[in-house]
Structures are given as C-alpha cells and as structure tokens.
Amino acid sequence: MYTQKDLLLQSAARLYTLGVDLEGARETLRQLVSMQMPYDSPQMIAALQNFEELEMQWKELERQHLGLKAATGTSTRLK
C-alpha cells in the first residue's frame, strides 16, 4: 500500500520524465522551424501534435501532483 508521500514522490518523478520528453519535443519543433520546414508539412504537423499531446499530459499530471501535494500538506520548499 502506497502512502500519500509515496504517491507524491512517484508523481514528481513522472513529472520530471515527462518534462524531459516535452522539452525534447519542443526542441524538435525549434529544429524544424530553423530548417524552414513548412508549417503544413507532415513532419511539422506530426511534431506539433506530439508536442501538444505531451503538453496536455504534463498539465494533467501537474494538476494531480499539486492536488497530492495539497493533500499531504507538503511545502514547495526542499528540505
């Protein structure tokens, strides 16, 4: 059985990993733009869809994480 703090730590780890993936997707978009890839090209559309999907996942996970943090009474400062 997981405690609230265990769940909070797990969600923080997932947030970190998802954040790394999200930044990778953002960088892919930057590279395509710097290569002057047309915005309606299949590569750009796929990269944008990937970024938007990861961003939605991150926002939902962040919302859940903040809910867990509030439920455990954990402060935002590291000790």
C-alpha atoms as a PDB file:
ATOM      1  CA  MET A   1       0.000   0.000   0.000  1.00  0.00           C
ATOM      2  CA  TYR A   2       1.423   3.363  -1.019  1.00  0.00           C
ATOM      3  CA  THR A   3       1.295   6.337   1.317  1.00  0.00           C
ATOM      4  CA  GLN A   4       0.379   9.827   0.118  1.00  0.00           C
ATOM      5  CA  LYS A   5       4.053  10.792   0.243  1.00  0.00           C
ATOM      6  CA  ASP A   6       4.979   7.761  -1.883  1.00  0.00           C
ATOM      7  CA  LEU A   7       2.406   8.798  -4.465  1.00  0.00           C
ATOM      8  CA  LEU A   8       3.681  12.376  -4.336  1.00  0.00           C
ATOM      9  CA  LEU A   9       7.246  11.220  -4.992  1.00  0.00           C
ATOM     10  CA  GLN A  10       6.115   8.955  -7.829  1.00  0.00           C
ATOM     11  CA  SER A  11       4.161  11.758  -9.476  1.00  0.00           C
ATOM     12  CA  ALA A  12       7.171  14.088  -9.117  1.00  0.00           C
ATOM     13  CA  ALA A  13       9.367  11.524 -10.855  1.00  0.00           C
ATOM     14  CA  ARG A  14       6.809  11.100 -13.645  1.00  0.00           C
ATOM     15  CA  LEU A  15       6.569  14.886 -13.986  1.00  0.00           C
ATOM     16  CA  TYR A  16      10.327  15.121 -14.362  1.00  0.00           C
ATOM     17  CA  THR A  17      10.466  12.387 -17.014  1.00  0.00           C
ATOM     18  CA  LEU A  18       7.521  13.820 -18.903  1.00  0.00           C
ATOM     19  CA  GLY A  19       9.118  17.272 -18.712  1.00  0.00           C
ATOM     20  CA  VAL A  20      12.276  15.927 -20.342  1.00  0.00           C
ATOM     21  CA  ASP A  21      10.178  14.402 -23.137  1.00  0.00           C
ATOM     22  CA  LEU A  22       8.253  17.650 -23.531  1.00  0.00           C
ATOM     23  CA  GLU A  23      11.450  19.670 -23.860  1.00  0.00           C
ATOM     24  CA  GLY A  24      12.701  17.191 -26.465  1.00  0.00           C
ATOM     25  CA  ALA A  25       9.503  17.695 -28.457  1.00  0.00           C
ATOM     26  CA  ARG A  26       9.911  21.479 -28.136  1.00  0.00           C
ATOM     27  CA  GLU A  27      13.478  21.211 -29.416  1.00  0.00           C
ATOM     28  CA  THR A  28      12.303  19.133 -32.387  1.00  0.00           C
ATOM     29  CA  LEU A  29       9.863  21.918 -33.270  1.00  0.00           C
ATOM     30  CA  ARG A  30      12.643  24.515 -32.977  1.00  0.00           C
ATOM     31  CA  GLN A  31      14.880  22.490 -35.270  1.00  0.00           C
ATOM     32  CA  LEU A  32      12.148  22.126 -37.881  1.00  0.00           C
ATOM     33  CA  VAL A  33      11.476  25.871 -37.772  1.00  0.00           C
ATOM     34  CA  SER A  34      15.190  26.663 -38.072  1.00  0.00           C
ATOM     35  CA  MET A  35      15.334  24.361 -41.103  1.00  0.00           C
ATOM     36  CA  GLN A  36      12.460  26.446 -42.532  1.00  0.00           C
ATOM     37  CA  MET A  37      10.216  23.402 -42.679  1.00  0.00           C
ATOM     38  CA  PRO A  38       6.768  24.431 -43.969  1.00  0.00           C
ATOM     39  CA  TYR A  39       4.209  24.595 -41.160  1.00  0.00           C
ATOM     40  CA  ASP A  40       1.820  22.375 -43.105  1.00  0.00           C
ATOM     41  CA  SER A  41       4.402  19.673 -43.836  1.00  0.00           C
ATOM     42  CA  PRO A  42       3.767  16.177 -42.448  1.00  0.00           C
ATOM     43  CA  GLN A  43       6.909  16.404 -40.280  1.00  0.00           C
ATOM     44  CA  MET A  44       5.870  19.711 -38.712  1.00  0.00           C
ATOM     45  CA  ILE A  45       2.287  18.574 -38.157  1.00  0.00           C
ATOM     46  CA  ALA A  46       3.465  15.343 -36.507  1.00  0.00           C
ATOM     47  CA  ALA A  47       5.980  17.209 -34.331  1.00  0.00           C
ATOM     48  CA  LEU A  48       3.342  19.721 -33.251  1.00  0.00           C
ATOM     49  CA  GLN A  49       0.819  17.002 -32.451  1.00  0.00           C
ATOM     50  CA  ASN A  50       3.427  15.154 -30.388  1.00  0.00           C
ATOM     51  CA  PHE A  51       4.315  18.343 -28.512  1.00  0.00           C
ATOM     52  CA  GLU A  52       0.667  19.213 -27.829  1.00  0.00           C
ATOM     53  CA  GLU A  53      -0.094  15.689 -26.588  1.00  0.00           C
ATOM     54  CA  LEU A  54       2.880  15.712 -24.225  1.00  0.00           C
ATOM     55  CA  GLU A  55       1.953  19.190 -23.011  1.00  0.00           C
ATOM     56  CA  MET A  56      -1.603  18.082 -22.213  1.00  0.00           C
ATOM     57  CA  GLN A  57      -0.263  15.055 -20.326  1.00  0.00           C
ATOM     58  CA  TRP A  58       2.153  17.262 -18.394  1.00  0.00           C
ATOM     59  CA  LYS A  59      -0.548  19.753 -17.421  1.00  0.00           C
ATOM     60  CA  GLU A  60      -2.861  16.968 -16.198  1.00  0.00           C
ATOM     61  CA  LEU A  61      -0.085  15.269 -14.247  1.00  0.00           C
ATOM     62  CA  GLU A  62       0.949  18.613 -12.748  1.00  0.00           C
ATOM     63  CA  ARG A  63      -2.654  19.210 -11.643  1.00  0.00           C
ATOM     64  CA  GLN A  64      -2.732  15.782  -9.983  1.00  0.00           C
ATOM     65  CA  HIS A  65       0.660  16.340  -8.379  1.00  0.00           C
ATOM     66  CA  LEU A  66      -0.400  19.672  -6.915  1.00  0.00           C
ATOM     67  CA  GLY A  67      -3.546  18.009  -5.552  1.00  0.00           C
ATOM     68  CA  LEU A  68      -1.440  15.342  -3.864  1.00  0.00           C
ATOM     69  CA  LYS A  69       0.899  17.992  -2.525  1.00  0.00           C
ATOM     70  CA  ALA A  70      -2.021  19.900  -1.012  1.00  0.00           C
ATOM     71  CA  ALA A  71      -3.468  16.688   0.457  1.00  0.00           C
ATOM     72  CA  THR A  72      -0.192  15.811   2.172  1.00  0.00           C
ATOM     73  CA  GLY A  73       0.455  19.341   3.340  1.00  0.00           C
ATOM     74  CA  THR A  74       3.882  19.280   1.714  1.00  0.00           C
ATOM     75  CA  SER A  75       5.509  22.656   1.197  1.00  0.00           C
ATOM     76  CA  THR A  76       7.106  23.662  -2.103  1.00  0.00           C
ATOM     77  CA  ARG A  77      10.499  24.118  -0.443  1.00  0.00           C
ATOM     78  CA  LEU A  78      13.007  21.297  -0.407  1.00  0.00           C
ATOM     79  CA  LYS A  79      14.430  20.351   2.968  1.00  0.00           C
END
